[in-house]
Amino acid sequence: LHVMWEDLGEIRTLIVADDWLHRGV
């Protein structure tokens, strides 16, 4: 979570290992 401004953030660098995809991670 990168804060960009007083009311705004960015979700970045979201990665899930291939063998853990579709498991709610």
PDB file of all heavy atoms in Angstrom:
ATOM      1  N   LEU A   1       0.868  -1.173   0.000  1.00  0.00           N
ATOM      2  CA  LEU A   1       0.000   0.000   0.000  1.00  0.00           C
ATOM      3  C   LEU A   1       0.904   1.222   0.000  1.00  0.00           C
ATOM      4  O   LEU A   1       1.669   1.433   0.940  1.00  0.00           O
ATOM      5  CB  LEU A   1      -0.898   0.017   1.235  1.00  0.00           C
ATOM      6  CG  LEU A   1      -1.695   1.316   1.441  1.00  0.00           C
ATOM      7  CD1 LEU A   1      -2.711   1.511   0.321  1.00  0.00           C
ATOM      8  CD2 LEU A   1      -2.371   1.305   2.803  1.00  0.00           C
ATOM      9  N   HIS A   2       0.806   2.008  -1.060  1.00  0.00           N
ATOM     10  CA  HIS A   2       1.601   3.228  -1.175  1.00  0.00           C
ATOM     11  C   HIS A   2       0.648   4.417  -1.067  1.00  0.00           C
ATOM     12  O   HIS A   2      -0.298   4.539  -1.856  1.00  0.00           O
ATOM     13  CB  HIS A   2       2.317   3.247  -2.530  1.00  0.00           C
ATOM     14  CG  HIS A   2       3.175   4.450  -2.736  1.00  0.00           C
ATOM     15  ND1 HIS A   2       4.417   4.574  -2.164  1.00  0.00           N
ATOM     16  CD2 HIS A   2       2.963   5.588  -3.443  1.00  0.00           C
ATOM     17  CE1 HIS A   2       4.938   5.733  -2.525  1.00  0.00           C
ATOM     18  NE2 HIS A   2       4.070   6.369  -3.286  1.00  0.00           N
ATOM     19  N   VAL A   3       0.876   5.282  -0.073  1.00  0.00           N
ATOM     20  CA  VAL A   3       0.048   6.475   0.079  1.00  0.00           C
ATOM     21  C   VAL A   3       0.477   7.496  -0.965  1.00  0.00           C
ATOM     22  O   VAL A   3       1.662   7.809  -1.089  1.00  0.00           O
ATOM     23  CB  VAL A   3       0.169   7.062   1.500  1.00  0.00           C
ATOM     24  CG1 VAL A   3      -0.603   8.376   1.608  1.00  0.00           C
ATOM     25  CG2 VAL A   3      -0.327   6.064   2.533  1.00  0.00           C
ATOM     26  N   MET A   4      -0.508   7.995  -1.731  1.00  0.00           N
ATOM     27  CA  MET A   4      -0.236   8.961  -2.790  1.00  0.00           C
ATOM     28  C   MET A   4      -0.660  10.375  -2.412  1.00  0.00           C
ATOM     29  O   MET A   4      -0.053  11.350  -2.850  1.00  0.00           O
ATOM     30  CB  MET A   4      -0.940   8.534  -4.084  1.00  0.00           C
ATOM     31  CG  MET A   4      -0.437   7.195  -4.592  1.00  0.00           C
ATOM     32  SD  MET A   4      -1.405   6.564  -5.972  1.00  0.00           S
ATOM     33  CE  MET A   4      -0.854   7.646  -7.268  1.00  0.00           C
ATOM     34  N   TRP A   5      -1.720  10.479  -1.627  1.00  0.00           N
ATOM     35  CA  TRP A   5      -2.252  11.783  -1.233  1.00  0.00           C
ATOM     36  C   TRP A   5      -3.075  11.596   0.019  1.00  0.00           C
ATOM     37  O   TRP A   5      -3.246  10.471   0.490  1.00  0.00           O
ATOM     38  CB  TRP A   5      -3.084  12.383  -2.377  1.00  0.00           C
ATOM     39  CG  TRP A   5      -3.243  13.881  -2.261  1.00  0.00           C
ATOM     40  CD1 TRP A   5      -4.399  14.546  -1.990  1.00  0.00           C
ATOM     41  CD2 TRP A   5      -2.224  14.878  -2.386  1.00  0.00           C
ATOM     42  NE1 TRP A   5      -4.164  15.903  -1.944  1.00  0.00           N
ATOM     43  CE2 TRP A   5      -2.826  16.137  -2.181  1.00  0.00           C
ATOM     44  CE3 TRP A   5      -0.868  14.848  -2.634  1.00  0.00           C
ATOM     45  CZ2 TRP A   5      -2.138  17.335  -2.226  1.00  0.00           C
ATOM     46  CZ3 TRP A   5      -0.165  16.030  -2.685  1.00  0.00           C
ATOM     47  CH2 TRP A   5      -0.798  17.257  -2.489  1.00  0.00           C
ATOM     48  N   GLU A   6      -3.637  12.676   0.557  1.00  0.00           N
ATOM     49  CA  GLU A   6      -4.338  12.598   1.836  1.00  0.00           C
ATOM     50  C   GLU A   6      -5.512  11.626   1.826  1.00  0.00           C
ATOM     51  O   GLU A   6      -5.877  11.086   2.876  1.00  0.00           O
ATOM     52  CB  GLU A   6      -4.802  13.976   2.289  1.00  0.00           C
ATOM     53  CG  GLU A   6      -5.851  14.594   1.395  1.00  0.00           C
ATOM     54  CD  GLU A   6      -6.202  16.019   1.815  1.00  0.00           C
ATOM     55  OE1 GLU A   6      -6.060  16.353   3.003  1.00  0.00           O
ATOM     56  OE2 GLU A   6      -6.606  16.785   0.945  1.00  0.00           O
ATOM     57  N   ASP A   7      -6.107  11.391   0.672  1.00  0.00           N
ATOM     58  CA  ASP A   7      -7.267  10.510   0.593  1.00  0.00           C
ATOM     59  C   ASP A   7      -7.047   9.321  -0.347  1.00  0.00           C
ATOM     60  O   ASP A   7      -7.948   8.530  -0.564  1.00  0.00           O
ATOM     61  CB  ASP A   7      -8.487  11.296   0.105  1.00  0.00           C
ATOM     62  CG  ASP A   7      -8.329  11.799  -1.329  1.00  0.00           C
ATOM     63  OD1 ASP A   7      -7.175  11.944  -1.806  1.00  0.00           O
ATOM     64  OD2 ASP A   7      -9.358  12.046  -1.989  1.00  0.00           O
ATOM     65  N   LEU A   8      -5.842   9.187  -0.892  1.00  0.00           N
ATOM     66  CA  LEU A   8      -5.616   8.261  -2.001  1.00  0.00           C
ATOM     67  C   LEU A   8      -4.386   7.399  -1.779  1.00  0.00           C
ATOM     68  O   LEU A   8      -3.310   7.900  -1.446  1.00  0.00           O
ATOM     69  CB  LEU A   8      -5.433   9.077  -3.291  1.00  0.00           C
ATOM     70  CG  LEU A   8      -5.164   8.317  -4.581  1.00  0.00           C
ATOM     71  CD1 LEU A   8      -6.370   7.464  -4.974  1.00  0.00           C
ATOM     72  CD2 LEU A   8      -4.835   9.308  -5.697  1.00  0.00           C
ATOM     73  N   GLY A   9      -4.574   6.093  -1.965  1.00  0.00           N
ATOM     74  CA  GLY A   9      -3.461   5.154  -1.901  1.00  0.00           C
ATOM     75  C   GLY A   9      -3.468   4.261  -3.119  1.00  0.00           C
ATOM     76  O   GLY A   9      -4.448   4.214  -3.865  1.00  0.00           O
ATOM     77  N   GLU A  10      -2.369   3.553  -3.304  1.00  0.00           N
ATOM     78  CA  GLU A  10      -2.250   2.622  -4.420  1.00  0.00           C
ATOM     79  C   GLU A  10      -1.897   1.243  -3.902  1.00  0.00           C
ATOM     80  O   GLU A  10      -1.011   1.088  -3.056  1.00  0.00           O
ATOM     81  CB  GLU A  10      -1.158   3.066  -5.389  1.00  0.00           C
ATOM     82  CG  GLU A  10      -0.975   2.094  -6.546  1.00  0.00           C
ATOM     83  CD  GLU A  10       0.230   2.403  -7.424  1.00  0.00           C
ATOM     84  OE1 GLU A  10       1.030   3.288  -7.087  1.00  0.00           O
ATOM     85  OE2 GLU A  10       0.366   1.725  -8.460  1.00  0.00           O
ATOM     86  N   ILE A  11      -2.586   0.237  -4.410  1.00  0.00           N
ATOM     87  CA  ILE A  11      -2.169  -1.148  -4.197  1.00  0.00           C
ATOM     88  C   ILE A  11      -1.176  -1.453  -5.295  1.00  0.00           C
ATOM     89  O   ILE A  11      -1.470  -1.285  -6.484  1.00  0.00           O
ATOM     90  CB  ILE A  11      -3.357  -2.113  -4.236  1.00  0.00           C
ATOM     91  CG1 ILE A  11      -4.229  -1.896  -2.996  1.00  0.00           C
ATOM     92  CG2 ILE A  11      -2.871  -3.558  -4.328  1.00  0.00           C
ATOM     93  CD1 ILE A  11      -5.419  -2.806  -2.913  1.00  0.00           C
ATOM     94  N   ARG A  12       0.019  -1.877  -4.889  1.00  0.00           N
ATOM     95  CA  ARG A  12       1.056  -2.164  -5.880  1.00  0.00           C
ATOM     96  C   ARG A  12       1.803  -3.429  -5.486  1.00  0.00           C
ATOM     97  O   ARG A  12       1.732  -3.890  -4.359  1.00  0.00           O
ATOM     98  CB  ARG A  12       2.014  -0.980  -6.044  1.00  0.00           C
ATOM     99  CG  ARG A  12       2.632  -0.484  -4.771  1.00  0.00           C
ATOM    100  CD  ARG A  12       3.738   0.530  -4.965  1.00  0.00           C
ATOM    101  NE  ARG A  12       3.326   1.756  -5.617  1.00  0.00           N
ATOM    102  CZ  ARG A  12       4.082   2.830  -5.737  1.00  0.00           C
ATOM    103  NH1 ARG A  12       5.288   2.849  -5.215  1.00  0.00           N
ATOM    104  NH2 ARG A  12       3.649   3.908  -6.343  1.00  0.00           N
ATOM    105  N   THR A  13       2.509  -3.965  -6.461  1.00  0.00           N
ATOM    106  CA  THR A  13       3.355  -5.141  -6.287  1.00  0.00           C
ATOM    107  C   THR A  13       2.564  -6.297  -5.662  1.00  0.00           C
ATOM    108  O   THR A  13       3.026  -6.981  -4.751  1.00  0.00           O
ATOM    109  CB  THR A  13       4.622  -4.812  -5.453  1.00  0.00           C
ATOM    110  OG1 THR A  13       5.131  -3.529  -5.827  1.00  0.00           O
ATOM    111  CG2 THR A  13       5.710  -5.838  -5.675  1.00  0.00           C
ATOM    112  N   LEU A  14       1.345  -6.518  -6.179  1.00  0.00           N
ATOM    113  CA  LEU A  14       0.522  -7.641  -5.715  1.00  0.00           C
ATOM    114  C   LEU A  14       0.927  -8.876  -6.505  1.00  0.00           C
ATOM    115  O   LEU A  14       0.761  -8.917  -7.725  1.00  0.00           O
ATOM    116  CB  LEU A  14      -0.959  -7.330  -5.902  1.00  0.00           C
ATOM    117  CG  LEU A  14      -1.924  -8.411  -5.446  1.00  0.00           C
ATOM    118  CD1 LEU A  14      -1.809  -8.653  -3.940  1.00  0.00           C
ATOM    119  CD2 LEU A  14      -3.348  -8.045  -5.817  1.00  0.00           C
ATOM    120  N   ILE A  15       1.467  -9.857  -5.797  1.00  0.00           N
ATOM    121  CA  ILE A  15       1.968 -11.077  -6.428  1.00  0.00           C
ATOM    122  C   ILE A  15       1.543 -12.269  -5.590  1.00  0.00           C
ATOM    123  O   ILE A  15       1.619 -12.234  -4.357  1.00  0.00           O
ATOM    124  CB  ILE A  15       3.510 -11.076  -6.506  1.00  0.00           C
ATOM    125  CG1 ILE A  15       4.037  -9.809  -7.180  1.00  0.00           C
ATOM    126  CG2 ILE A  15       4.026 -12.325  -7.217  1.00  0.00           C
ATOM    127  CD1 ILE A  15       5.537  -9.620  -7.002  1.00  0.00           C
ATOM    128  N   VAL A  16       1.126 -13.335  -6.268  1.00  0.00           N
ATOM    129  CA  VAL A  16       0.849 -14.609  -5.605  1.00  0.00           C
ATOM    130  C   VAL A  16       1.615 -15.685  -6.366  1.00  0.00           C
ATOM    131  O   VAL A  16       1.581 -15.733  -7.598  1.00  0.00           O
ATOM    132  CB  VAL A  16      -0.668 -14.923  -5.601  1.00  0.00           C
ATOM    133  CG1 VAL A  16      -0.928 -16.307  -5.015  1.00  0.00           C
ATOM    134  CG2 VAL A  16      -1.431 -13.855  -4.837  1.00  0.00           C
ATOM    135  N   ALA A  17       2.311 -16.544  -5.625  1.00  0.00           N
ATOM    136  CA  ALA A  17       3.048 -17.648  -6.250  1.00  0.00           C
ATOM    137  C   ALA A  17       2.088 -18.505  -7.074  1.00  0.00           C
ATOM    138  O   ALA A  17       0.938 -18.743  -6.670  1.00  0.00           O
ATOM    139  CB  ALA A  17       3.723 -18.496  -5.173  1.00  0.00           C
ATOM    140  N   ASP A  18       2.556 -18.949  -8.235  1.00  0.00           N
ATOM    141  CA  ASP A  18       1.696 -19.710  -9.151  1.00  0.00           C
ATOM    142  C   ASP A  18       1.005 -20.882  -8.469  1.00  0.00           C
ATOM    143  O   ASP A  18      -0.175 -21.132  -8.716  1.00  0.00           O
ATOM    144  CB  ASP A  18       2.512 -20.229 -10.350  1.00  0.00           C
ATOM    145  CG  ASP A  18       2.896 -19.118 -11.315  1.00  0.00           C
ATOM    146  OD1 ASP A  18       2.282 -18.028 -11.277  1.00  0.00           O
ATOM    147  OD2 ASP A  18       3.829 -19.342 -12.120  1.00  0.00           O
ATOM    148  N   ASP A  19       1.708 -21.603  -7.614  1.00  0.00           N
ATOM    149  CA  ASP A  19       1.114 -22.774  -6.971  1.00  0.00           C
ATOM    150  C   ASP A  19       0.151 -22.404  -5.844  1.00  0.00           C
ATOM    151  O   ASP A  19      -0.455 -23.279  -5.224  1.00  0.00           O
ATOM    152  CB  ASP A  19       2.194 -23.748  -6.479  1.00  0.00           C
ATOM    153  CG  ASP A  19       3.205 -23.127  -5.534  1.00  0.00           C
ATOM    154  OD1 ASP A  19       3.444 -21.902  -5.612  1.00  0.00           O
ATOM    155  OD2 ASP A  19       3.770 -23.870  -4.711  1.00  0.00           O
ATOM    156  N   TRP A  20      -0.027 -21.103  -5.589  1.00  0.00           N
ATOM    157  CA  TRP A  20      -0.970 -20.650  -4.572  1.00  0.00           C
ATOM    158  C   TRP A  20      -2.104 -19.816  -5.165  1.00  0.00           C
ATOM    159  O   TRP A  20      -2.912 -19.245  -4.424  1.00  0.00           O
ATOM    160  CB  TRP A  20      -0.240 -19.869  -3.477  1.00  0.00           C
ATOM    161  CG  TRP A  20       0.415 -20.825  -2.529  1.00  0.00           C
ATOM    162  CD1 TRP A  20       1.617 -21.456  -2.669  1.00  0.00           C
ATOM    163  CD2 TRP A  20      -0.144 -21.307  -1.313  1.00  0.00           C
ATOM    164  NE1 TRP A  20       1.841 -22.289  -1.617  1.00  0.00           N
ATOM    165  CE2 TRP A  20       0.771 -22.203  -0.761  1.00  0.00           C
ATOM    166  CE3 TRP A  20      -1.327 -21.046  -0.630  1.00  0.00           C
ATOM    167  CZ2 TRP A  20       0.539 -22.865   0.438  1.00  0.00           C
ATOM    168  CZ3 TRP A  20      -1.558 -21.691   0.570  1.00  0.00           C
ATOM    169  CH2 TRP A  20      -0.629 -22.597   1.086  1.00  0.00           C
ATOM    170  N   LEU A  21      -2.181 -19.734  -6.490  1.00  0.00           N
ATOM    171  CA  LEU A  21      -3.274 -19.003  -7.130  1.00  0.00           C
ATOM    172  C   LEU A  21      -4.610 -19.691  -6.840  1.00  0.00           C
ATOM    173  O   LEU A  21      -4.667 -20.911  -6.685  1.00  0.00           O
ATOM    174  CB  LEU A  21      -3.042 -18.915  -8.641  1.00  0.00           C
ATOM    175  CG  LEU A  21      -1.897 -18.018  -9.086  1.00  0.00           C
ATOM    176  CD1 LEU A  21      -1.634 -18.190 -10.582  1.00  0.00           C
ATOM    177  CD2 LEU A  21      -2.174 -16.562  -8.750  1.00  0.00           C
ATOM    178  N   HIS A  22      -5.668 -18.905  -6.780  1.00  0.00           N
ATOM    179  CA  HIS A  22      -7.045 -19.387  -6.602  1.00  0.00           C
ATOM    180  C   HIS A  22      -7.248 -20.076  -5.254  1.00  0.00           C
ATOM    181  O   HIS A  22      -8.064 -20.974  -5.129  1.00  0.00           O
ATOM    182  CB  HIS A  22      -7.456 -20.308  -7.758  1.00  0.00           C
ATOM    183  CG  HIS A  22      -7.193 -19.698  -9.100  1.00  0.00           C
ATOM    184  ND1 HIS A  22      -7.892 -18.608  -9.567  1.00  0.00           N
ATOM    185  CD2 HIS A  22      -6.275 -20.000 -10.056  1.00  0.00           C
ATOM    186  CE1 HIS A  22      -7.417 -18.273 -10.756  1.00  0.00           C
ATOM    187  NE2 HIS A  22      -6.441 -19.096 -11.066  1.00  0.00           N
ATOM    188  N   ARG A  23      -6.496 -19.625  -4.252  1.00  0.00           N
ATOM    189  CA  ARG A  23      -6.646 -20.173  -2.905  1.00  0.00           C
ATOM    190  C   ARG A  23      -6.929 -19.056  -1.901  1.00  0.00           C
ATOM    191  O   ARG A  23      -6.813 -19.258  -0.701  1.00  0.00           O
ATOM    192  CB  ARG A  23      -5.398 -20.959  -2.520  1.00  0.00           C
ATOM    193  CG  ARG A  23      -5.257 -22.215  -3.378  1.00  0.00           C
ATOM    194  CD  ARG A  23      -3.918 -22.888  -3.250  1.00  0.00           C
ATOM    195  NE  ARG A  23      -3.778 -23.594  -1.991  1.00  0.00           N
ATOM    196  CZ  ARG A  23      -2.729 -24.351  -1.702  1.00  0.00           C
ATOM    197  NH1 ARG A  23      -1.758 -24.513  -2.570  1.00  0.00           N
ATOM    198  NH2 ARG A  23      -2.648 -24.955  -0.535  1.00  0.00           N
ATOM    199  N   GLY A  24      -7.286 -17.868  -2.394  1.00  0.00           N
ATOM    200  CA  GLY A  24      -7.667 -16.762  -1.525  1.00  0.00           C
ATOM    201  C   GLY A  24      -6.515 -15.890  -1.052  1.00  0.00           C
ATOM    202  O   GLY A  24      -6.733 -14.951  -0.294  1.00  0.00           O
ATOM    203  N   VAL A  25      -5.304 -16.175  -1.514  1.00  0.00           N
ATOM    204  CA  VAL A  25      -4.142 -15.411  -1.055  1.00  0.00           C
ATOM    205  C   VAL A  25      -4.227 -13.960  -1.527  1.00  0.00           C
ATOM    206  O   VAL A  25      -4.067 -13.027  -0.727  1.00  0.00           O
ATOM    207  CB  VAL A  25      -2.824 -16.070  -1.520  1.00  0.00           C
ATOM    208  CG1 VAL A  25      -1.624 -15.204  -1.170  1.00  0.00           C
ATOM    209  CG2 VAL A  25      -2.679 -17.467  -0.915  1.00  0.00           C
TER     210      VAL A  25
END
